[in-house]
Amino acid sequence: MRKEFASTAVMKKIMADYFYELNGAAGTASAKIAWCTSVGPAELLRALGFLVYFPENHGALLGATRTAQDYIPLANAAGYSPEICSYLTSDVGACIKGETPLSRAYPGIERPPRPDVLVFNTNQCRDVQDWFAWYSRKLKIPLLGIYTHRGIKEVAGAHIDSVAAQLLSLIPELERISGNKFNLDRLKETVGLSLECSRLWRKVLETAANVPSPFTFFDATVQMGPAVVLRGTTAAVDYYKALLAELRERTGLGVWAVDGERHRLYWDGMPIWGKLRDLSEFFADLKTCVAASTYCNSWIFEELNPADPFKSMAGAYTRLFIVRSDEKKEEYIADMVRKFAIDGIVFHDSKTCPNNTNSRYGMPERLHETLGIGTVTIFGDLNDLRCYSEEQSKTKLEAFIEQFGE
């Protein structure tokens, strides 16, 4: 059973404040609202005075509340394939139906906040561009974007310069929409807060390098909320200071996430949002700690530098795991396996998220050969539970863990 954190009550409060502020500002002159893809450029938007909303966070809520399947068919009927991102299809379908899990979590919120501008970054995938374009057409809202290089082995100066130039080019239109003049000092402050948040989030995740661990991948998927939606704010920094202190206290007291921990796994790929608690309890029953993941580390941007905000943002967005070549991804995972004393790797082949699925081109086999540890691939999806066979997956995982012995 997952052990709750005292800090979680604080997180729930700051997340509620975040959504209520967005809801209160929507349709008023008090602040403009920007929708942003989760990686960025949130820092630039905050520096220009926008309140920032992240549709991917809403997509994850649709998955976690197991309502995605109610909405995906509506997006399919509107012309969006069942094969593409189920964040996109569940979110678009929810908009078509006029429903949101936010209304159940936060009474008084009837819908996501209406945007004044939509800003995407393709470092994750092309789907975010198509997703935001749908809203741009429907709501007649300006659409702006950054096009990041993909499949990069070594990040070069030309890559950085290209993305930095694109960030700079957004400023005139964002000034017009926000009604605020760009202020470099404010951007530096925001980038500094994002950097501090990233460093704290890394330290939180790295408490799981302790054997046994006070923290799991499943805990991290819950605790990552502020790192995603409040990066660049003091609220996120203050929260992770408190959570880190609590985790260090647990480590000192010997309060472990998995009682009697015997095995340690690494999770690569997207979470299966609708099965997080179920899988957390399943692994705990097998005395197995999923100690680290690729996914939760995606919000560590330690390349950020307030002294050089544009180039450092460009570097942070371009050195993200999902943007890199398989060779660099394998080096990263190998480092994680060593750092977290991992016994085996679970690859999640997410049906509608090929960009964050790393098991389709021989990576598990190559890592098995180079690291000498076992790997297993389970098939599912981030949101669409119709793609996930619980019985087959658990049987496969049980057999995999049995190989480690007692």
Protein backbone atom coordinates (compact mmCIF):
# COMPACT_ATOMS: atom_id res chain seq x y z
CA MET A 1 0.00 0.00 0.00
CA ARG A 2 1.30 3.45 -0.90
CA LYS A 3 2.45 5.42 2.12
CA GLU A 4 1.08 8.94 2.04
CA PHE A 5 3.26 11.97 2.64
CA ALA A 6 2.37 14.74 5.06
CA SER A 7 3.54 17.21 2.40
CA THR A 8 0.80 16.02 0.04
CA ALA A 9 -1.80 18.12 1.86
CA VAL A 10 0.27 21.20 1.04
CA MET A 11 0.56 20.10 -2.59
CA LYS A 12 -3.20 19.68 -2.88
CA LYS A 13 -3.66 23.20 -1.55
CA ILE A 14 -1.21 24.85 -3.95
CA MET A 15 -2.62 22.89 -6.90
CA ALA A 16 -6.13 23.99 -5.94
CA ASP A 17 -4.94 27.60 -5.65
CA TYR A 18 -3.36 27.28 -9.10
CA PHE A 19 -6.54 26.04 -10.78
CA TYR A 20 -8.81 28.50 -8.97
CA GLU A 21 -6.55 31.39 -9.98
CA LEU A 22 -6.80 30.27 -13.61
CA ASN A 23 -10.56 29.90 -13.30
CA GLY A 24 -10.93 33.33 -11.71
CA ALA A 25 -8.81 35.03 -14.35
CA ALA A 26 -10.49 33.40 -17.37
CA GLY A 27 -12.59 35.88 -19.26
CA THR A 28 -11.47 38.86 -17.13
CA ALA A 29 -8.99 41.64 -17.69
CA SER A 30 -6.96 40.71 -14.60
CA ALA A 31 -4.49 38.46 -16.42
CA LYS A 32 -4.08 36.77 -19.76
CA ILE A 33 -3.94 32.97 -19.97
CA ALA A 34 -1.50 31.01 -22.08
CA TRP A 35 -1.83 27.32 -22.79
CA CYS A 36 1.59 25.73 -22.95
CA THR A 37 3.01 22.30 -23.66
CA SER A 38 4.52 20.81 -20.53
CA VAL A 39 8.20 21.27 -21.32
CA GLY A 40 8.11 24.91 -22.31
CA PRO A 41 8.42 27.80 -22.91
CA ALA A 42 6.64 28.32 -19.59
CA GLU A 43 9.40 30.60 -18.25
CA LEU A 44 8.97 33.13 -21.05
CA LEU A 45 5.19 33.12 -20.68
CA ARG A 46 5.32 33.69 -16.92
CA ALA A 47 7.87 36.47 -17.37
CA LEU A 48 5.39 38.26 -19.65
CA GLY A 49 2.68 38.06 -17.00
CA PHE A 50 0.63 35.17 -18.38
CA LEU A 51 -1.04 32.62 -16.16
CA VAL A 52 -0.02 29.28 -17.66
CA TYR A 53 -2.23 26.24 -18.15
CA PHE A 54 -0.95 22.86 -19.34
CA PRO A 55 -3.36 20.66 -21.33
CA GLU A 56 -1.08 17.64 -20.85
CA ASN A 57 -1.74 17.87 -17.13
CA HIS A 58 -5.46 17.79 -17.95
CA GLY A 59 -4.83 14.78 -20.18
CA ALA A 60 -3.15 12.97 -17.29
CA LEU A 61 -6.13 13.79 -15.05
CA LEU A 62 -8.45 12.26 -17.64
CA GLY A 63 -6.31 9.12 -17.57
CA ALA A 64 -5.97 8.97 -13.78
CA THR A 65 -9.74 9.38 -13.29
CA ARG A 66 -10.39 6.63 -15.88
CA THR A 67 -12.72 8.87 -17.85
CA ALA A 68 -10.56 9.03 -20.99
CA GLN A 69 -12.39 6.16 -22.69
CA ASP A 70 -15.63 8.18 -22.48
CA TYR A 71 -14.12 10.93 -24.59
CA ILE A 72 -11.64 9.33 -27.00
CA PRO A 73 -14.41 8.09 -29.36
CA LEU A 74 -15.71 11.66 -29.74
CA ALA A 75 -12.31 12.83 -30.97
CA ASN A 76 -12.10 9.78 -33.24
CA ALA A 77 -15.45 10.77 -34.76
CA ALA A 78 -14.05 14.28 -35.33
CA GLY A 79 -11.28 12.79 -37.47
CA TYR A 80 -8.51 12.06 -34.97
CA SER A 81 -7.14 8.55 -35.27
CA PRO A 82 -7.29 6.04 -32.39
CA GLU A 83 -3.56 5.54 -33.06
CA ILE A 84 -2.48 9.06 -32.06
CA CYS A 85 -1.81 10.49 -28.59
CA SER A 86 -4.60 9.58 -26.19
CA TYR A 87 -3.89 12.75 -24.20
CA LEU A 88 -4.93 14.61 -27.34
CA THR A 89 -7.97 12.49 -28.13
CA SER A 90 -9.27 12.31 -24.55
CA ASP A 91 -8.80 16.05 -24.01
CA VAL A 92 -10.39 17.04 -27.33
CA GLY A 93 -13.23 14.59 -26.68
CA ALA A 94 -13.80 16.04 -23.20
CA CYS A 95 -13.99 19.52 -24.73
CA ILE A 96 -16.50 18.30 -27.34
CA LYS A 97 -18.64 16.82 -24.57
CA GLY A 98 -18.18 19.85 -22.29
CA GLU A 99 -16.85 17.90 -19.31
CA THR A 100 -13.72 17.97 -17.16
CA PRO A 101 -12.46 16.12 -14.06
CA LEU A 102 -11.48 19.54 -12.72
CA SER A 103 -15.13 20.16 -11.83
CA ARG A 104 -15.13 17.15 -9.50
CA ALA A 105 -11.77 17.96 -7.93
CA TYR A 106 -12.39 21.69 -7.61
CA PRO A 107 -16.04 22.69 -7.06
CA GLY A 108 -17.02 25.75 -9.03
CA ILE A 109 -14.71 25.06 -11.97
CA GLU A 110 -16.89 24.08 -14.91
CA ARG A 111 -14.28 23.89 -17.68
CA PRO A 112 -10.60 24.50 -18.36
CA PRO A 113 -9.72 28.21 -18.60
CA ARG A 114 -10.19 29.82 -21.99
CA PRO A 115 -6.79 30.71 -23.49
CA ASP A 116 -5.67 34.01 -24.94
CA VAL A 117 -2.79 32.28 -26.75
CA LEU A 118 -1.65 28.70 -27.38
CA VAL A 119 2.10 27.99 -27.37
CA PHE A 120 3.59 24.59 -28.21
CA ASN A 121 7.06 23.05 -28.42
CA THR A 122 7.54 20.06 -30.69
CA ASN A 123 10.41 18.62 -28.63
CA GLN A 124 7.90 16.08 -27.33
CA CYS A 125 6.09 15.19 -30.55
CA ARG A 126 4.09 16.60 -33.45
CA ASP A 127 0.87 15.68 -31.64
CA VAL A 128 1.09 18.74 -29.38
CA GLN A 129 1.08 20.99 -32.44
CA ASP A 130 -2.02 19.29 -33.87
CA TRP A 131 -3.67 19.28 -30.44
CA PHE A 132 -3.22 23.03 -29.95
CA ALA A 133 -4.15 23.70 -33.59
CA TRP A 134 -7.56 22.10 -32.96
CA TYR A 135 -8.23 24.57 -30.15
CA SER A 136 -6.87 27.44 -32.23
CA ARG A 137 -9.40 26.70 -34.98
CA LYS A 138 -12.27 26.04 -32.58
CA LEU A 139 -11.72 29.05 -30.30
CA LYS A 140 -10.17 31.43 -32.89
CA ILE A 141 -7.12 31.84 -30.65
CA PRO A 142 -3.57 32.69 -31.84
CA LEU A 143 -1.24 29.69 -32.14
CA LEU A 144 2.52 30.05 -31.68
CA GLY A 145 5.17 27.37 -31.66
CA ILE A 146 8.78 26.33 -31.29
CA TYR A 147 10.16 23.60 -33.52
CA THR A 148 12.88 21.64 -31.76
CA HIS A 149 15.37 19.33 -33.46
CA ARG A 150 14.73 15.62 -32.82
CA GLY A 151 16.84 12.46 -32.62
CA ILE A 152 19.95 14.41 -31.64
CA LYS A 153 23.12 12.55 -30.70
CA GLU A 154 25.27 15.54 -29.79
CA VAL A 155 23.63 18.91 -29.18
CA ALA A 156 25.51 21.52 -31.21
CA GLY A 157 25.63 25.29 -31.08
CA ALA A 158 23.47 25.47 -34.21
CA HIS A 159 20.69 23.55 -32.44
CA ILE A 160 20.81 25.92 -29.47
CA ASP A 161 20.96 29.05 -31.60
CA SER A 162 17.98 27.89 -33.66
CA VAL A 163 15.71 27.33 -30.66
CA ALA A 164 16.92 30.49 -28.88
CA ALA A 165 16.11 32.55 -31.99
CA GLN A 166 12.63 31.04 -32.10
CA LEU A 167 12.09 31.95 -28.43
CA LEU A 168 13.11 35.54 -29.11
CA SER A 169 10.82 35.71 -32.14
CA LEU A 170 7.79 34.96 -29.95
CA ILE A 171 8.21 38.09 -27.85
CA PRO A 172 6.51 40.74 -30.07
CA GLU A 173 3.30 38.72 -30.46
CA LEU A 174 3.27 37.70 -26.79
CA GLU A 175 3.75 41.35 -25.80
CA ARG A 176 0.78 42.30 -27.98
CA ILE A 177 -1.47 39.59 -26.51
CA SER A 178 -0.43 40.09 -22.89
CA GLY A 179 -0.35 43.88 -22.99
CA ASN A 180 2.99 43.74 -21.14
CA LYS A 181 6.44 44.74 -22.30
CA PHE A 182 9.10 42.09 -22.09
CA ASN A 183 11.36 42.54 -19.06
CA LEU A 184 14.68 40.68 -19.13
CA ASP A 185 15.15 40.90 -15.37
CA ARG A 186 11.79 39.27 -14.81
CA LEU A 187 12.71 36.45 -17.19
CA LYS A 188 16.00 35.94 -15.36
CA GLU A 189 14.09 35.70 -12.07
CA THR A 190 11.64 33.18 -13.52
CA VAL A 191 14.41 31.08 -15.05
CA GLY A 192 16.20 31.14 -11.70
CA LEU A 193 13.11 29.81 -9.94
CA SER A 194 12.73 27.09 -12.57
CA LEU A 195 16.35 26.10 -12.04
CA GLU A 196 15.89 25.93 -8.28
CA CYS A 197 12.72 23.85 -8.71
CA SER A 198 14.58 21.48 -11.05
CA ARG A 199 17.45 21.01 -8.62
CA LEU A 200 15.09 20.30 -5.75
CA TRP A 201 13.02 17.89 -7.85
CA ARG A 202 16.18 16.01 -8.79
CA LYS A 203 17.12 15.74 -5.12
CA VAL A 204 13.63 14.46 -4.31
CA LEU A 205 13.90 11.78 -7.00
CA GLU A 206 17.41 10.85 -5.95
CA THR A 207 16.32 9.98 -2.41
CA ALA A 208 15.18 6.75 -4.11
CA ALA A 209 18.85 5.89 -4.74
CA ASN A 210 18.94 4.88 -1.09
CA VAL A 211 18.60 1.10 -0.61
CA PRO A 212 15.90 0.54 0.63
CA SER A 213 14.12 3.53 -0.85
CA PRO A 214 11.74 6.01 0.82
CA PHE A 215 10.21 6.92 -2.56
CA THR A 216 8.96 5.17 -5.70
CA PHE A 217 8.12 6.00 -9.30
CA PHE A 218 4.45 5.85 -8.34
CA ASP A 219 4.95 8.39 -5.57
CA ALA A 220 6.80 10.61 -8.04
CA THR A 221 3.92 10.61 -10.55
CA VAL A 222 1.77 12.15 -7.82
CA GLN A 223 4.38 14.52 -6.43
CA MET A 224 5.49 15.88 -9.80
CA GLY A 225 2.44 18.14 -10.17
CA PRO A 226 4.10 21.39 -9.03
CA ALA A 227 7.22 20.67 -11.13
CA VAL A 228 4.98 20.49 -14.19
CA VAL A 229 2.46 23.30 -13.72
CA LEU A 230 4.21 25.67 -11.27
CA ARG A 231 7.79 25.64 -12.55
CA GLY A 232 9.09 29.20 -12.37
CA THR A 233 7.20 30.07 -9.17
CA THR A 234 8.14 30.30 -5.50
CA ALA A 235 5.24 27.95 -4.67
CA ALA A 236 6.97 25.03 -6.43
CA VAL A 237 10.33 25.79 -4.83
CA ASP A 238 8.84 26.00 -1.34
CA TYR A 239 6.93 22.76 -1.85
CA TYR A 240 9.93 20.70 -2.91
CA LYS A 241 11.98 22.03 -0.01
CA ALA A 242 9.30 20.65 2.33
CA LEU A 243 8.96 17.33 0.49
CA LEU A 244 12.73 16.83 0.39
CA ALA A 245 12.96 17.45 4.12
CA GLU A 246 10.22 14.89 4.75
CA LEU A 247 11.95 12.29 2.56
CA ARG A 248 15.27 12.82 4.32
CA GLU A 249 13.53 12.44 7.65
CA ARG A 250 11.96 9.16 6.48
CA THR A 251 15.35 7.92 5.36
CA GLY A 252 16.82 8.73 8.76
CA LEU A 253 13.97 6.95 10.53
CA GLY A 254 14.03 3.93 8.22
CA VAL A 255 10.54 4.49 6.80
CA TRP A 256 10.68 2.77 3.43
CA ALA A 257 8.24 2.99 0.53
CA VAL A 258 8.12 -0.80 0.12
CA ASP A 259 8.25 -2.81 3.32
CA GLY A 260 10.83 -5.58 3.06
CA GLU A 261 12.16 -4.29 -0.27
CA ARG A 262 14.00 -7.08 -2.12
CA HIS A 263 14.13 -5.97 -5.76
CA ARG A 264 14.56 -2.65 -7.57
CA LEU A 265 13.24 -1.79 -11.03
CA TYR A 266 13.48 1.08 -13.50
CA TRP A 267 10.36 2.17 -15.43
CA ASP A 268 10.88 3.46 -18.96
CA GLY A 269 8.04 5.11 -20.86
CA MET A 270 4.77 6.73 -19.93
CA PRO A 271 2.80 5.93 -16.78
CA ILE A 272 -0.41 3.96 -17.18
CA TRP A 273 -2.38 6.70 -15.48
CA GLY A 274 -5.54 4.73 -14.78
CA LYS A 275 -3.59 1.93 -13.08
CA LEU A 276 -1.06 3.77 -10.93
CA ARG A 277 -2.43 2.76 -7.54
CA ASP A 278 -3.12 -0.78 -8.70
CA LEU A 279 0.41 -1.22 -10.04
CA SER A 280 1.94 0.45 -6.99
CA GLU A 281 0.24 -2.08 -4.71
CA PHE A 282 1.05 -4.95 -7.07
CA PHE A 283 4.79 -4.23 -6.95
CA ALA A 284 4.71 -3.60 -3.20
CA ASP A 285 3.11 -7.03 -2.65
CA LEU A 286 6.08 -8.51 -4.56
CA LYS A 287 8.53 -6.58 -2.32
CA THR A 288 9.66 -4.70 -5.42
CA CYS A 289 10.45 -1.00 -5.55
CA VAL A 290 10.16 0.79 -8.88
CA ALA A 291 12.86 3.19 -7.79
CA ALA A 292 13.39 5.40 -10.83
CA SER A 293 11.97 6.31 -14.21
CA THR A 294 12.66 8.16 -17.41
CA TYR A 295 9.32 9.97 -17.29
CA CYS A 296 9.52 11.72 -13.93
CA ASN A 297 13.01 13.02 -14.70
CA SER A 298 11.61 14.87 -17.72
CA TRP A 299 11.05 17.97 -15.56
CA ILE A 300 14.66 18.41 -14.51
CA PHE A 301 16.09 21.40 -16.39
CA GLU A 302 19.43 22.03 -14.72
CA GLU A 303 20.81 23.55 -17.90
CA LEU A 304 18.78 26.69 -17.15
CA ASN A 305 20.94 29.72 -16.38
CA PRO A 306 19.45 33.08 -15.34
CA ALA A 307 22.55 34.85 -16.70
CA ASP A 308 21.81 33.58 -20.23
CA PRO A 309 18.09 32.78 -20.24
CA PHE A 310 17.39 32.30 -23.94
CA LYS A 311 20.30 30.02 -24.78
CA SER A 312 19.93 28.10 -21.54
CA MET A 313 16.19 27.55 -22.13
CA ALA A 314 17.03 26.40 -25.66
CA GLY A 315 19.65 24.02 -24.26
CA ALA A 316 17.33 22.64 -21.59
CA TYR A 317 14.53 22.03 -24.07
CA THR A 318 16.91 20.41 -26.59
CA ARG A 319 18.81 18.12 -24.22
CA LEU A 320 15.59 16.55 -22.95
CA PHE A 321 15.67 12.73 -23.03
CA ILE A 322 12.84 12.41 -25.56
CA VAL A 323 14.71 14.59 -28.07
CA ARG A 324 17.91 12.53 -28.09
CA SER A 325 19.17 9.66 -30.22
CA ASP A 326 18.80 6.07 -29.02
CA GLU A 327 22.54 5.97 -28.30
CA LYS A 328 22.24 8.90 -25.87
CA LYS A 329 19.06 7.47 -24.35
CA GLU A 330 20.83 4.18 -23.67
CA GLU A 331 23.74 5.99 -22.01
CA TYR A 332 21.26 7.85 -19.82
CA ILE A 333 19.41 4.70 -18.78
CA ALA A 334 22.70 2.91 -18.06
CA ASP A 335 23.68 5.74 -15.71
CA MET A 336 20.30 5.51 -13.97
CA VAL A 337 20.64 1.74 -13.56
CA ARG A 338 23.98 2.21 -11.80
CA LYS A 339 22.90 5.19 -9.69
CA PHE A 340 19.73 3.55 -8.39
CA ALA A 341 21.12 -0.02 -8.03
CA ILE A 342 18.52 -1.36 -10.48
CA ASP A 343 17.93 -5.11 -10.92
CA GLY A 344 15.80 -4.91 -14.06
CA ILE A 345 14.04 -2.57 -16.48
CA VAL A 346 10.32 -2.43 -17.27
CA PHE A 347 9.61 -0.93 -20.70
CA HIS A 348 6.07 0.31 -21.20
CA ASP A 349 5.12 0.16 -24.87
CA SER A 350 2.43 2.82 -24.91
CA LYS A 351 0.13 2.24 -27.88
CA THR A 352 -0.59 5.88 -28.69
CA CYS A 353 2.73 7.39 -27.54
CA PRO A 354 5.51 6.15 -29.84
CA ASN A 355 7.62 9.20 -29.00
CA ASN A 356 7.93 8.13 -25.37
CA THR A 357 8.12 4.40 -26.10
CA ASN A 358 11.68 3.11 -26.36
CA SER A 359 11.17 -0.64 -26.76
CA ARG A 360 10.37 -0.85 -30.48
CA TYR A 361 13.82 -0.67 -32.07
CA GLY A 362 15.90 -3.13 -30.07
CA MET A 363 16.79 -0.99 -27.06
CA PRO A 364 15.79 -3.59 -24.41
CA GLU A 365 17.99 -6.19 -26.08
CA ARG A 366 20.93 -3.82 -26.39
CA LEU A 367 20.68 -2.76 -22.74
CA HIS A 368 20.44 -6.38 -21.64
CA GLU A 369 23.63 -7.11 -23.53
CA THR A 370 25.58 -4.08 -22.28
CA LEU A 371 24.34 -4.00 -18.68
CA GLY A 372 23.78 -7.68 -18.07
CA ILE A 373 20.38 -7.13 -16.44
CA GLY A 374 16.93 -8.33 -17.44
CA THR A 375 14.29 -6.32 -19.24
CA VAL A 376 10.59 -6.87 -19.79
CA THR A 377 8.13 -5.07 -22.05
CA ILE A 378 4.48 -4.62 -21.18
CA PHE A 379 1.89 -3.27 -23.59
CA GLY A 380 -0.62 -0.61 -22.65
CA ASP A 381 -1.26 3.09 -23.04
CA LEU A 382 -0.99 6.29 -21.07
CA ASN A 383 -4.77 6.92 -21.11
CA ASP A 384 -6.62 4.33 -23.19
CA LEU A 385 -7.07 1.33 -20.90
CA ARG A 386 -8.57 -0.67 -23.76
CA CYS A 387 -4.95 -1.15 -24.88
CA TYR A 388 -3.91 -2.67 -21.55
CA SER A 389 -4.40 -6.30 -20.56
CA GLU A 390 -4.07 -6.34 -16.79
CA GLU A 391 -3.94 -10.13 -16.47
CA GLN A 392 -1.30 -10.59 -19.18
CA SER A 393 0.82 -7.71 -17.88
CA LYS A 394 0.81 -8.88 -14.28
CA THR A 395 1.59 -12.46 -15.26
CA LYS A 396 4.53 -11.19 -17.32
CA LEU A 397 5.79 -8.95 -14.53
CA GLU A 398 5.46 -11.67 -11.87
CA ALA A 399 7.50 -14.07 -14.01
CA PHE A 400 10.10 -11.36 -14.58
CA ILE A 401 10.49 -10.61 -10.87
CA GLU A 402 10.65 -14.31 -9.97
CA GLN A 403 13.88 -14.49 -11.97
CA PHE A 404 15.61 -12.38 -9.32
CA GLY A 405 15.02 -14.99 -6.62
CA GLU A 406 14.55 -14.16 -2.97
